[in-house]
Each structure stands twice: as structure tokens, then as C-alpha cells.
PDB file of N, CA and C in Angstrom:
ATOM      1  N   UNK A   1     -21.381  -2.756 138.313  1.00  0.00           N
ATOM      2  CA  UNK A   1     -22.119  -3.732 138.933  1.00  0.00           C
ATOM      3  C   UNK A   1     -23.240  -4.176 139.627  1.00  0.00           C
ATOM      4  N   UNK A   2     -24.479  -4.736 139.473  1.00  0.00           N
ATOM      5  CA  UNK A   2     -25.404  -4.794 140.693  1.00  0.00           C
ATOM      6  C   UNK A   2     -25.541  -6.320 140.904  1.00  0.00           C
ATOM      7  N   UNK A   3     -26.217  -6.012 142.189  1.00  0.00           N
ATOM      8  CA  UNK A   3     -26.477  -7.570 142.789  1.00  0.00           C
ATOM      9  C   UNK A   3     -28.066  -7.546 143.084  1.00  0.00           C
ATOM     10  N   UNK A   4     -28.539  -8.585 143.478  1.00  0.00           N
ATOM     11  CA  UNK A   4     -29.933  -9.186 143.602  1.00  0.00           C
ATOM     12  C   UNK A   4     -30.136  -8.148 145.055  1.00  0.00           C
ATOM     13  N   UNK A   5     -31.179  -7.778 145.566  1.00  0.00           N
ATOM     14  CA  UNK A   5     -31.687  -7.195 146.527  1.00  0.00           C
ATOM     15  C   UNK A   5     -30.926  -7.911 147.611  1.00  0.00           C
ATOM     16  N   UNK A   6     -30.458  -6.914 148.947  1.00  0.00           N
ATOM     17  CA  UNK A   6     -29.971  -7.579 149.973  1.00  0.00           C
ATOM     18  C   UNK A   6     -30.855  -8.607 150.718  1.00  0.00           C
ATOM     19  N   UNK A   7     -30.118  -9.859 151.362  1.00  0.00           N
ATOM     20  CA  UNK A   7     -30.873 -10.979 151.863  1.00  0.00           C
ATOM     21  C   UNK A   7     -31.541 -10.526 153.388  1.00  0.00           C
ATOM     22  N   UNK A   8     -32.241 -11.811 153.485  1.00  0.00           N
ATOM     23  CA  UNK A   8     -33.015 -11.253 154.561  1.00  0.00           C
ATOM     24  C   UNK A   8     -32.001 -11.685 155.729  1.00  0.00           C
ATOM     25  N   UNK A   9     -32.552 -12.174 157.132  1.00  0.00           N
ATOM     26  CA  UNK A   9     -32.066 -12.169 158.279  1.00  0.00           C
ATOM     27  C   UNK A   9     -31.497 -13.859 158.287  1.00  0.00           C
ATOM     28  N   UNK A  10     -32.179 -14.532 157.281  1.00  0.00           N
ATOM     29  CA  UNK A  10     -31.777 -15.743 156.779  1.00  0.00           C
ATOM     30  C   UNK A  10     -30.747 -16.183 155.880  1.00  0.00           C
ATOM     31  N   UNK A  11     -30.755 -15.113 155.284  1.00  0.00           N
ATOM     32  CA  UNK A  11     -29.422 -15.088 154.315  1.00  0.00           C
ATOM     33  C   UNK A  11     -29.996 -15.494 153.039  1.00  0.00           C
ATOM     34  N   UNK A  12     -31.579 -15.436 152.951  1.00  0.00           N
ATOM     35  CA  UNK A  12     -32.094 -15.988 151.689  1.00  0.00           C
ATOM     36  C   UNK A  12     -32.661 -14.562 150.815  1.00  0.00           C
ATOM     37  N   UNK A  13     -32.879 -14.632 149.543  1.00  0.00           N
ATOM     38  CA  UNK A  13     -33.274 -13.181 149.079  1.00  0.00           C
ATOM     39  C   UNK A  13     -34.875 -13.899 148.532  1.00  0.00           C
ATOM     40  N   UNK A  14     -35.971 -13.071 148.658  1.00  0.00           N
ATOM     41  CA  UNK A  14     -37.189 -13.562 148.381  1.00  0.00           C
ATOM     42  C   UNK A  14     -37.572 -13.657 146.919  1.00  0.00           C
ATOM     43  N   UNK A  15     -38.143 -14.664 146.848  1.00  0.00           N
ATOM     44  CA  UNK A  15     -38.555 -14.917 145.193  1.00  0.00           C
ATOM     45  C   UNK A  15     -39.170 -13.948 144.760  1.00  0.00           C
ATOM     46  N   UNK A  16     -40.306 -13.144 145.403  1.00  0.00           N
ATOM     47  CA  UNK A  16     -40.816 -12.015 145.032  1.00  0.00           C
ATOM     48  C   UNK A  16     -40.069 -10.968 144.696  1.00  0.00           C
ATOM     49  N   UNK A  17     -39.113 -10.720 145.424  1.00  0.00           N
ATOM     50  CA  UNK A  17     -38.414  -9.614 145.367  1.00  0.00           C
ATOM     51  C   UNK A  17     -37.118  -9.583 144.537  1.00  0.00           C
ATOM     52  N   UNK A  18     -37.571  -9.358 143.301  1.00  0.00           N
ATOM     53  CA  UNK A  18     -36.696  -9.315 142.160  1.00  0.00           C
ATOM     54  C   UNK A  18     -36.091  -7.951 142.049  1.00  0.00           C
ATOM     55  N   UNK A  19     -35.734  -7.021 143.047  1.00  0.00           N
ATOM     56  CA  UNK A  19     -34.999  -5.871 142.301  1.00  0.00           C
ATOM     57  C   UNK A  19     -33.473  -6.073 142.521  1.00  0.00           C
ATOM     58  N   UNK A  20     -32.740  -5.265 142.175  1.00  0.00           N
ATOM     59  CA  UNK A  20     -31.410  -5.331 141.931  1.00  0.00           C
ATOM     60  C   UNK A  20     -31.160  -3.876 142.438  1.00  0.00           C
ATOM     61  N   UNK A  21     -29.565  -4.188 142.962  1.00  0.00           N
ATOM     62  CA  UNK A  21     -29.208  -2.861 143.722  1.00  0.00           C
ATOM     63  C   UNK A  21     -27.969  -2.967 143.127  1.00  0.00           C
ATOM     64  N   UNK A  22     -27.441  -1.562 142.833  1.00  0.00           N
ATOM     65  CA  UNK A  22     -26.130  -1.259 142.476  1.00  0.00           C
ATOM     66  C   UNK A  22     -25.158  -1.450 143.647  1.00  0.00           C
ATOM     67  N   UNK A  23     -23.801  -2.265 143.372  1.00  0.00           N
ATOM     68  CA  UNK A  23     -22.783  -2.786 144.258  1.00  0.00           C
ATOM     69  C   UNK A  23     -21.919  -1.672 144.256  1.00  0.00           C
ATOM     70  N   UNK A  24     -21.082  -1.345 143.065  1.00  0.00           N
ATOM     71  CA  UNK A  24     -20.364  -0.876 142.490  1.00  0.00           C
ATOM     72  C   UNK A  24     -20.306  -0.351 141.013  1.00  0.00           C
ATOM     73  N   UNK A  25     -19.371   0.689 141.118  1.00  0.00           N
ATOM     74  CA  UNK A  25     -18.864   1.280 139.922  1.00  0.00           C
ATOM     75  C   UNK A  25     -17.556   1.070 139.445  1.00  0.00           C
ATOM     76  N   UNK A  26     -17.436   0.437 138.491  1.00  0.00           N
ATOM     77  CA  UNK A  26     -15.799   0.332 138.307  1.00  0.00           C
ATOM     78  C   UNK A  26     -15.643   0.674 136.721  1.00  0.00           C
ATOM     79  N   UNK A  27     -14.196   0.907 136.402  1.00  0.00           N
ATOM     80  CA  UNK A  27     -13.522   0.868 135.143  1.00  0.00           C
ATOM     81  C   UNK A  27     -13.776  -0.423 134.381  1.00  0.00           C
ATOM     82  N   UNK A  28     -13.808  -0.499 133.183  1.00  0.00           N
ATOM     83  CA  UNK A  28     -13.963  -2.169 132.164  1.00  0.00           C
ATOM     84  C   UNK A  28     -13.743  -1.741 130.879  1.00  0.00           C
ATOM     85  N   UNK A  29     -13.412  -2.711 130.473  1.00  0.00           N
ATOM     86  CA  UNK A  29     -13.123  -2.793 129.162  1.00  0.00           C
ATOM     87  C   UNK A  29     -13.976  -3.978 128.500  1.00  0.00           C
ATOM     88  N   UNK A  30     -14.965  -3.480 127.643  1.00  0.00           N
ATOM     89  CA  UNK A  30     -15.940  -4.192 127.421  1.00  0.00           C
ATOM     90  C   UNK A  30     -15.693  -4.941 125.740  1.00  0.00           C
ATOM     91  N   UNK A  31     -15.783  -6.122 125.630  1.00  0.00           N
ATOM     92  CA  UNK A  31     -15.493  -6.476 124.297  1.00  0.00           C
ATOM     93  C   UNK A  31     -16.754  -7.771 124.048  1.00  0.00           C
ATOM     94  N   UNK A  32     -17.481  -7.135 122.885  1.00  0.00           N
ATOM     95  CA  UNK A  32     -18.585  -7.925 122.290  1.00  0.00           C
ATOM     96  C   UNK A  32     -17.828  -9.051 121.389  1.00  0.00           C
ATOM     97  N   UNK A  33     -18.192 -10.181 121.607  1.00  0.00           N
ATOM     98  CA  UNK A  33     -17.696 -11.056 120.478  1.00  0.00           C
ATOM     99  C   UNK A  33     -18.178 -10.950 119.288  1.00  0.00           C
ATOM    100  N   UNK A  34     -17.704 -11.167 118.567  1.00  0.00           N
ATOM    101  CA  UNK A  34     -17.991 -11.375 116.660  1.00  0.00           C
ATOM    102  C   UNK A  34     -18.771 -12.430 116.693  1.00  0.00           C
ATOM    103  N   UNK A  35     -19.405 -12.821 115.701  1.00  0.00           N
ATOM    104  CA  UNK A  35     -20.161 -13.579 115.223  1.00  0.00           C
ATOM    105  C   UNK A  35     -19.358 -15.096 115.367  1.00  0.00           C
ATOM    106  N   UNK A  36     -18.579 -15.134 114.501  1.00  0.00           N
ATOM    107  CA  UNK A  36     -17.568 -16.342 114.874  1.00  0.00           C
ATOM    108  C   UNK A  36     -17.196 -16.844 115.887  1.00  0.00           C
ATOM    109  N   UNK A  37     -16.541 -15.903 116.577  1.00  0.00           N
ATOM    110  CA  UNK A  37     -16.589 -16.222 118.247  1.00  0.00           C
ATOM    111  C   UNK A  37     -17.650 -16.446 118.989  1.00  0.00           C
ATOM    112  N   UNK A  38     -18.559 -15.841 118.837  1.00  0.00           N
ATOM    113  CA  UNK A  38     -19.693 -16.598 119.313  1.00  0.00           C
ATOM    114  C   UNK A  38     -20.307 -18.036 119.029  1.00  0.00           C
ATOM    115  N   UNK A  39     -19.902 -18.399 117.769  1.00  0.00           N
ATOM    116  CA  UNK A  39     -20.292 -19.500 117.191  1.00  0.00           C
ATOM    117  C   UNK A  39     -19.419 -20.583 118.050  1.00  0.00           C
ATOM    118  N   UNK A  40     -17.994 -20.242 118.145  1.00  0.00           N
ATOM    119  CA  UNK A  40     -17.122 -21.136 118.707  1.00  0.00           C
ATOM    120  C   UNK A  40     -17.111 -21.112 120.279  1.00  0.00           C
ATOM    121  N   UNK A  41     -17.619 -20.299 120.757  1.00  0.00           N
ATOM    122  CA  UNK A  41     -17.670 -20.213 122.110  1.00  0.00           C
ATOM    123  C   UNK A  41     -18.981 -20.978 122.693  1.00  0.00           C
ATOM    124  N   UNK A  42     -20.256 -21.140 122.281  1.00  0.00           N
ATOM    125  CA  UNK A  42     -21.407 -21.676 122.593  1.00  0.00           C
ATOM    126  C   UNK A  42     -22.111 -22.262 121.678  1.00  0.00           C
ATOM    127  N   UNK A  43     -21.895 -22.022 120.354  1.00  0.00           N
ATOM    128  CA  UNK A  43     -22.739 -22.197 119.270  1.00  0.00           C
ATOM    129  C   UNK A  43     -24.402 -22.113 119.213  1.00  0.00           C
ATOM    130  N   UNK A  44     -24.425 -20.831 119.713  1.00  0.00           N
ATOM    131  CA  UNK A  44     -25.748 -20.153 120.281  1.00  0.00           C
ATOM    132  C   UNK A  44     -25.771 -18.717 119.238  1.00  0.00           C
ATOM    133  N   UNK A  45     -26.543 -18.427 118.607  1.00  0.00           N
ATOM    134  CA  UNK A  45     -26.822 -17.586 117.831  1.00  0.00           C
ATOM    135  C   UNK A  45     -27.539 -16.374 118.124  1.00  0.00           C
ATOM    136  N   UNK A  46     -28.535 -16.610 118.759  1.00  0.00           N
ATOM    137  CA  UNK A  46     -29.399 -15.763 119.372  1.00  0.00           C
ATOM    138  C   UNK A  46     -28.950 -14.946 120.705  1.00  0.00           C
ATOM    139  N   UNK A  47     -27.858 -15.214 121.309  1.00  0.00           N
ATOM    140  CA  UNK A  47     -27.139 -14.403 122.432  1.00  0.00           C
ATOM    141  C   UNK A  47     -26.109 -13.701 121.976  1.00  0.00           C
ATOM    142  N   UNK A  48     -26.213 -12.509 122.368  1.00  0.00           N
ATOM    143  CA  UNK A  48     -25.009 -11.452 122.844  1.00  0.00           C
ATOM    144  C   UNK A  48     -23.850 -11.736 123.878  1.00  0.00           C
ATOM    145  N   UNK A  49     -22.739 -12.279 123.715  1.00  0.00           N
ATOM    146  CA  UNK A  49     -21.772 -12.572 124.573  1.00  0.00           C
ATOM    147  C   UNK A  49     -20.647 -11.562 124.637  1.00  0.00           C
ATOM    148  N   UNK A  50     -20.096 -11.477 125.843  1.00  0.00           N
ATOM    149  CA  UNK A  50     -19.132 -10.173 126.056  1.00  0.00           C
ATOM    150  C   UNK A  50     -17.906 -11.014 126.879  1.00  0.00           C
ATOM    151  N   UNK A  51     -16.831 -10.524 126.637  1.00  0.00           N
ATOM    152  CA  UNK A  51     -15.595 -10.546 127.756  1.00  0.00           C
ATOM    153  C   UNK A  51     -15.708  -9.233 128.218  1.00  0.00           C
ATOM    154  N   UNK A  52     -15.257  -8.984 129.676  1.00  0.00           N
ATOM    155  CA  UNK A  52     -15.458  -7.865 130.140  1.00  0.00           C
ATOM    156  C   UNK A  52     -14.201  -7.902 131.213  1.00  0.00           C
ATOM    157  N   UNK A  53     -13.142  -7.157 131.272  1.00  0.00           N
ATOM    158  CA  UNK A  53     -11.980  -6.694 131.969  1.00  0.00           C
ATOM    159  C   UNK A  53     -12.298  -5.738 132.983  1.00  0.00           C
ATOM    160  N   UNK A  54     -12.228  -5.991 134.307  1.00  0.00           N
ATOM    161  CA  UNK A  54     -12.024  -5.055 135.213  1.00  0.00           C
ATOM    162  C   UNK A  54     -10.875  -5.400 136.503  1.00  0.00           C
ATOM    163  N   UNK A  55     -10.499  -4.195 137.210  1.00  0.00           N
ATOM    164  CA  UNK A  55      -9.268  -4.540 138.078  1.00  0.00           C
ATOM    165  C   UNK A  55     -10.062  -5.741 139.081  1.00  0.00           C
ATOM    166  N   UNK A  56      -8.914  -6.042 139.519  1.00  0.00           N
ATOM    167  CA  UNK A  56      -9.059  -7.413 140.509  1.00  0.00           C
ATOM    168  C   UNK A  56      -9.836  -6.829 141.811  1.00  0.00           C
ATOM    169  N   UNK A  57     -11.049  -7.720 141.845  1.00  0.00           N
ATOM    170  CA  UNK A  57     -11.896  -7.195 143.327  1.00  0.00           C
ATOM    171  C   UNK A  57     -12.339  -8.622 143.977  1.00  0.00           C
ATOM    172  N   UNK A  58     -12.425  -8.636 145.252  1.00  0.00           N
ATOM    173  CA  UNK A  58     -12.727  -9.952 145.508  1.00  0.00           C
ATOM    174  C   UNK A  58     -14.249 -10.037 145.864  1.00  0.00           C
ATOM    175  N   UNK A  59     -14.928  -9.153 145.869  1.00  0.00           N
ATOM    176  CA  UNK A  59     -16.515  -8.929 146.047  1.00  0.00           C
ATOM    177  C   UNK A  59     -17.181  -9.402 144.713  1.00  0.00           C
ATOM    178  N   UNK A  60     -16.591 -10.215 144.037  1.00  0.00           N
ATOM    179  CA  UNK A  60     -17.478  -9.997 142.572  1.00  0.00           C
ATOM    180  C   UNK A  60     -17.875 -11.417 142.433  1.00  0.00           C
ATOM    181  N   UNK A  61     -18.944 -11.729 141.975  1.00  0.00           N
ATOM    182  CA  UNK A  61     -19.755 -12.975 142.386  1.00  0.00           C
ATOM    183  C   UNK A  61     -20.387 -13.420 141.302  1.00  0.00           C
ATOM    184  N   UNK A  62     -20.569 -14.675 140.561  1.00  0.00           N
ATOM    185  CA  UNK A  62     -21.277 -14.994 139.405  1.00  0.00           C
ATOM    186  C   UNK A  62     -22.715 -14.571 139.352  1.00  0.00           C
ATOM    187  N   UNK A  63     -23.636 -14.399 140.457  1.00  0.00           N
ATOM    188  CA  UNK A  63     -24.867 -14.110 140.781  1.00  0.00           C
ATOM    189  C   UNK A  63     -24.865 -12.463 140.408  1.00  0.00           C
ATOM    190  N   UNK A  64     -24.127 -11.989 140.018  1.00  0.00           N
ATOM    191  CA  UNK A  64     -24.178 -10.407 139.957  1.00  0.00           C
ATOM    192  C   UNK A  64     -24.299 -10.402 138.464  1.00  0.00           C
ATOM    193  N   UNK A  65     -24.853  -8.910 138.172  1.00  0.00           N
ATOM    194  CA  UNK A  65     -24.832  -8.817 136.664  1.00  0.00           C
ATOM    195  C   UNK A  65     -24.030  -7.155 136.383  1.00  0.00           C
ATOM    196  N   UNK A  66     -24.049  -7.003 134.945  1.00  0.00           N
ATOM    197  CA  UNK A  66     -23.227  -5.790 134.539  1.00  0.00           C
ATOM    198  C   UNK A  66     -24.245  -4.975 134.035  1.00  0.00           C
ATOM    199  N   UNK A  67     -24.057  -3.643 134.356  1.00  0.00           N
ATOM    200  CA  UNK A  67     -24.821  -2.653 133.543  1.00  0.00           C
ATOM    201  C   UNK A  67     -23.787  -1.700 132.652  1.00  0.00           C
ATOM    202  N   UNK A  68     -23.746  -1.852 131.344  1.00  0.00           N
ATOM    203  CA  UNK A  68     -22.768  -0.948 130.391  1.00  0.00           C
ATOM    204  C   UNK A  68     -23.808  -0.605 129.662  1.00  0.00           C
ATOM    205  N   UNK A  69     -23.674   0.909 129.450  1.00  0.00           N
ATOM    206  CA  UNK A  69     -24.373   2.141 128.871  1.00  0.00           C
ATOM    207  C   UNK A  69     -25.904   1.723 128.968  1.00  0.00           C
ATOM    208  N   UNK A  70     -26.994   1.104 128.009  1.00  0.00           N
ATOM    209  CA  UNK A  70     -28.084   0.847 128.154  1.00  0.00           C
ATOM    210  C   UNK A  70     -28.295  -0.847 128.086  1.00  0.00           C
ATOM    211  N   UNK A  71     -27.075  -1.621 128.545  1.00  0.00           N
ATOM    212  CA  UNK A  71     -27.387  -2.627 128.439  1.00  0.00           C
ATOM    213  C   UNK A  71     -27.406  -3.475 129.699  1.00  0.00           C
ATOM    214  N   UNK A  72     -27.984  -4.567 129.964  1.00  0.00           N
ATOM    215  CA  UNK A  72     -27.734  -5.289 131.209  1.00  0.00           C
ATOM    216  C   UNK A  72     -26.887  -6.765 130.789  1.00  0.00           C
ATOM    217  N   UNK A  73     -25.852  -7.162 131.247  1.00  0.00           N
ATOM    218  CA  UNK A  73     -25.400  -8.340 131.067  1.00  0.00           C
ATOM    219  C   UNK A  73     -25.252  -9.335 132.175  1.00  0.00           C
ATOM    220  N   UNK A  74     -25.676 -10.423 132.451  1.00  0.00           N
ATOM    221  CA  UNK A  74     -25.756 -11.587 133.053  1.00  0.00           C
ATOM    222  C   UNK A  74     -24.009 -12.098 133.493  1.00  0.00           C
ATOM    223  N   UNK A  75     -23.473 -11.874 134.414  1.00  0.00           N
ATOM    224  CA  UNK A  75     -22.119 -12.889 134.648  1.00  0.00           C
ATOM    225  C   UNK A  75     -22.759 -14.347 134.363  1.00  0.00           C
ATOM    226  N   UNK A  76     -21.930 -15.279 133.377  1.00  0.00           N
ATOM    227  CA  UNK A  76     -22.350 -16.630 133.246  1.00  0.00           C
ATOM    228  C   UNK A  76     -21.349 -17.355 133.717  1.00  0.00           C
ATOM    229  N   UNK A  77     -20.391 -17.266 134.351  1.00  0.00           N
ATOM    230  CA  UNK A  77     -19.203 -18.276 134.962  1.00  0.00           C
ATOM    231  C   UNK A  77     -18.509 -17.333 135.849  1.00  0.00           C
ATOM    232  N   UNK A  78     -17.518 -18.278 136.794  1.00  0.00           N
ATOM    233  CA  UNK A  78     -16.836 -17.550 137.935  1.00  0.00           C
ATOM    234  C   UNK A  78     -16.231 -16.503 137.370  1.00  0.00           C
ATOM    235  N   UNK A  79     -15.899 -15.272 137.971  1.00  0.00           N
ATOM    236  CA  UNK A  79     -14.627 -14.202 137.419  1.00  0.00           C
ATOM    237  C   UNK A  79     -13.053 -15.180 137.416  1.00  0.00           C
ATOM    238  N   UNK A  80     -12.560 -14.753 136.261  1.00  0.00           N
ATOM    239  CA  UNK A  80     -11.177 -15.433 135.959  1.00  0.00           C
ATOM    240  C   UNK A  80     -10.197 -14.170 136.587  1.00  0.00           C
ATOM    241  N   UNK A  81      -9.346 -14.699 137.519  1.00  0.00           N
ATOM    242  CA  UNK A  81      -8.389 -13.861 138.011  1.00  0.00           C
ATOM    243  C   UNK A  81      -7.311 -14.057 136.782  1.00  0.00           C
ATOM    244  N   UNK A  82      -7.237 -13.383 136.321  1.00  0.00           N
ATOM    245  CA  UNK A  82      -6.212 -13.314 134.912  1.00  0.00           C
ATOM    246  C   UNK A  82      -4.861 -13.618 135.575  1.00  0.00           C
ATOM    247  N   UNK A  83      -4.193 -14.829 134.902  1.00  0.00           N
ATOM    248  CA  UNK A  83      -2.945 -14.906 135.642  1.00  0.00           C
ATOM    249  C   UNK A  83      -2.522 -15.303 136.888  1.00  0.00           C
ATOM    250  N   UNK A  84      -3.562 -15.006 137.506  1.00  0.00           N
ATOM    251  CA  UNK A  84      -3.492 -15.530 139.023  1.00  0.00           C
ATOM    252  C   UNK A  84      -2.558 -14.410 140.133  1.00  0.00           C
ATOM    253  N   UNK A  85      -2.540 -13.106 139.217  1.00  0.00           N
ATOM    254  CA  UNK A  85      -1.900 -12.560 139.720  1.00  0.00           C
ATOM    255  C   UNK A  85      -2.469 -11.095 140.579  1.00  0.00           C
ATOM    256  N   UNK A  86      -3.940 -11.056 140.850  1.00  0.00           N
ATOM    257  CA  UNK A  86      -4.871 -10.198 141.575  1.00  0.00           C
ATOM    258  C   UNK A  86      -4.706  -8.941 141.023  1.00  0.00           C
ATOM    259  N   UNK A  87      -4.439  -8.979 139.588  1.00  0.00           N
ATOM    260  CA  UNK A  87      -4.613  -7.526 139.018  1.00  0.00           C
ATOM    261  C   UNK A  87      -5.775  -7.243 138.485  1.00  0.00           C
ATOM    262  N   UNK A  88      -6.384  -8.112 137.653  1.00  0.00           N
ATOM    263  CA  UNK A  88      -7.374  -8.237 136.774  1.00  0.00           C
ATOM    264  C   UNK A  88      -8.440  -9.526 136.778  1.00  0.00           C
ATOM    265  N   UNK A  89      -9.683  -9.002 136.486  1.00  0.00           N
ATOM    266  CA  UNK A  89     -10.558 -10.115 136.404  1.00  0.00           C
ATOM    267  C   UNK A  89     -11.458 -10.094 135.150  1.00  0.00           C
ATOM    268  N   UNK A  90     -11.836 -11.619 134.457  1.00  0.00           N
ATOM    269  CA  UNK A  90     -12.328 -11.402 133.381  1.00  0.00           C
ATOM    270  C   UNK A  90     -13.480 -11.929 133.692  1.00  0.00           C
ATOM    271  N   UNK A  91     -14.642 -11.641 133.100  1.00  0.00           N
ATOM    272  CA  UNK A  91     -16.275 -12.031 133.275  1.00  0.00           C
ATOM    273  C   UNK A  91     -16.496 -11.991 131.875  1.00  0.00           C
ATOM    274  N   UNK A  92     -17.071 -13.520 131.869  1.00  0.00           N
ATOM    275  CA  UNK A  92     -17.934 -13.831 130.764  1.00  0.00           C
ATOM    276  C   UNK A  92     -19.334 -13.534 130.860  1.00  0.00           C
ATOM    277  N   UNK A  93     -19.850 -12.578 130.026  1.00  0.00           N
ATOM    278  CA  UNK A  93     -21.296 -12.528 130.447  1.00  0.00           C
ATOM    279  C   UNK A  93     -22.181 -12.543 128.992  1.00  0.00           C
ATOM    280  N   UNK A  94     -23.588 -12.571 129.003  1.00  0.00           N
ATOM    281  CA  UNK A  94     -24.642 -12.811 127.912  1.00  0.00           C
ATOM    282  C   UNK A  94     -25.231 -11.721 128.165  1.00  0.00           C
ATOM    283  N   UNK A  95     -25.769 -11.044 127.433  1.00  0.00           N
ATOM    284  CA  UNK A  95     -26.690 -10.008 127.307  1.00  0.00           C
ATOM    285  C   UNK A  95     -28.463 -10.536 127.888  1.00  0.00           C
ATOM    286  N   UNK A  96     -28.932  -9.902 128.898  1.00  0.00           N
ATOM    287  CA  UNK A  96     -30.208 -10.009 129.304  1.00  0.00           C
ATOM    288  C   UNK A  96     -31.283  -9.327 128.048  1.00  0.00           C
ATOM    289  N   UNK A  97     -31.978 -10.325 127.555  1.00  0.00           N
ATOM    290  CA  UNK A  97     -32.956  -9.558 126.335  1.00  0.00           C
ATOM    291  C   UNK A  97     -34.199  -9.903 126.969  1.00  0.00           C
TER     292      UNK A  97
END
């Protein structure tokens, strides 16, 4: 997972500083949605959407993104704590094109 460059002393990330840094490397089960599922989920045909399952972590935020093989995926909603058991997080992502 990657996050934007570290914030400055005021807690802000500079607009011009669009660099991403590696935050953590984790195990993940990545499933790209089929065309029919994509239509039901968002009714958008030109995006690739994925569901990613990782072990539970407190430090995953929606403003992060995921690098999977040679693909970059933006997290598009808050991570879901599966069954509120603090075992797995489900991330809904869309591919950065």
C-alpha cells in the first residue's frame, strides 16, 4: 500500500508534491469484478473495479492506494472491517488509468 508523501509540519501535503511512498507490504486476495458485477455496482463501464481482502490493520485509510503487480488501484471507500471481528479488511478499489 502507498500513501501520499508525508505531510509538512502543519499536517498538509503540498499540492505540487504528488509523490507516493510505500507504506506497507501485505498479503492480499485481489478479485477483479466481472463486467456484470461492475454494471450492478456502479453502472460505469470504463473502470476496472476490484475487491481486496487483507488482514486487519488500523492504519489503512481511504486516501491510500494499492500497488498490485503492475497495476495501481485507488481505495474508493472506507475500509470495511469484515464482520467487525478485527480479522480482515475489505477494500473497494478502482484502477488508476
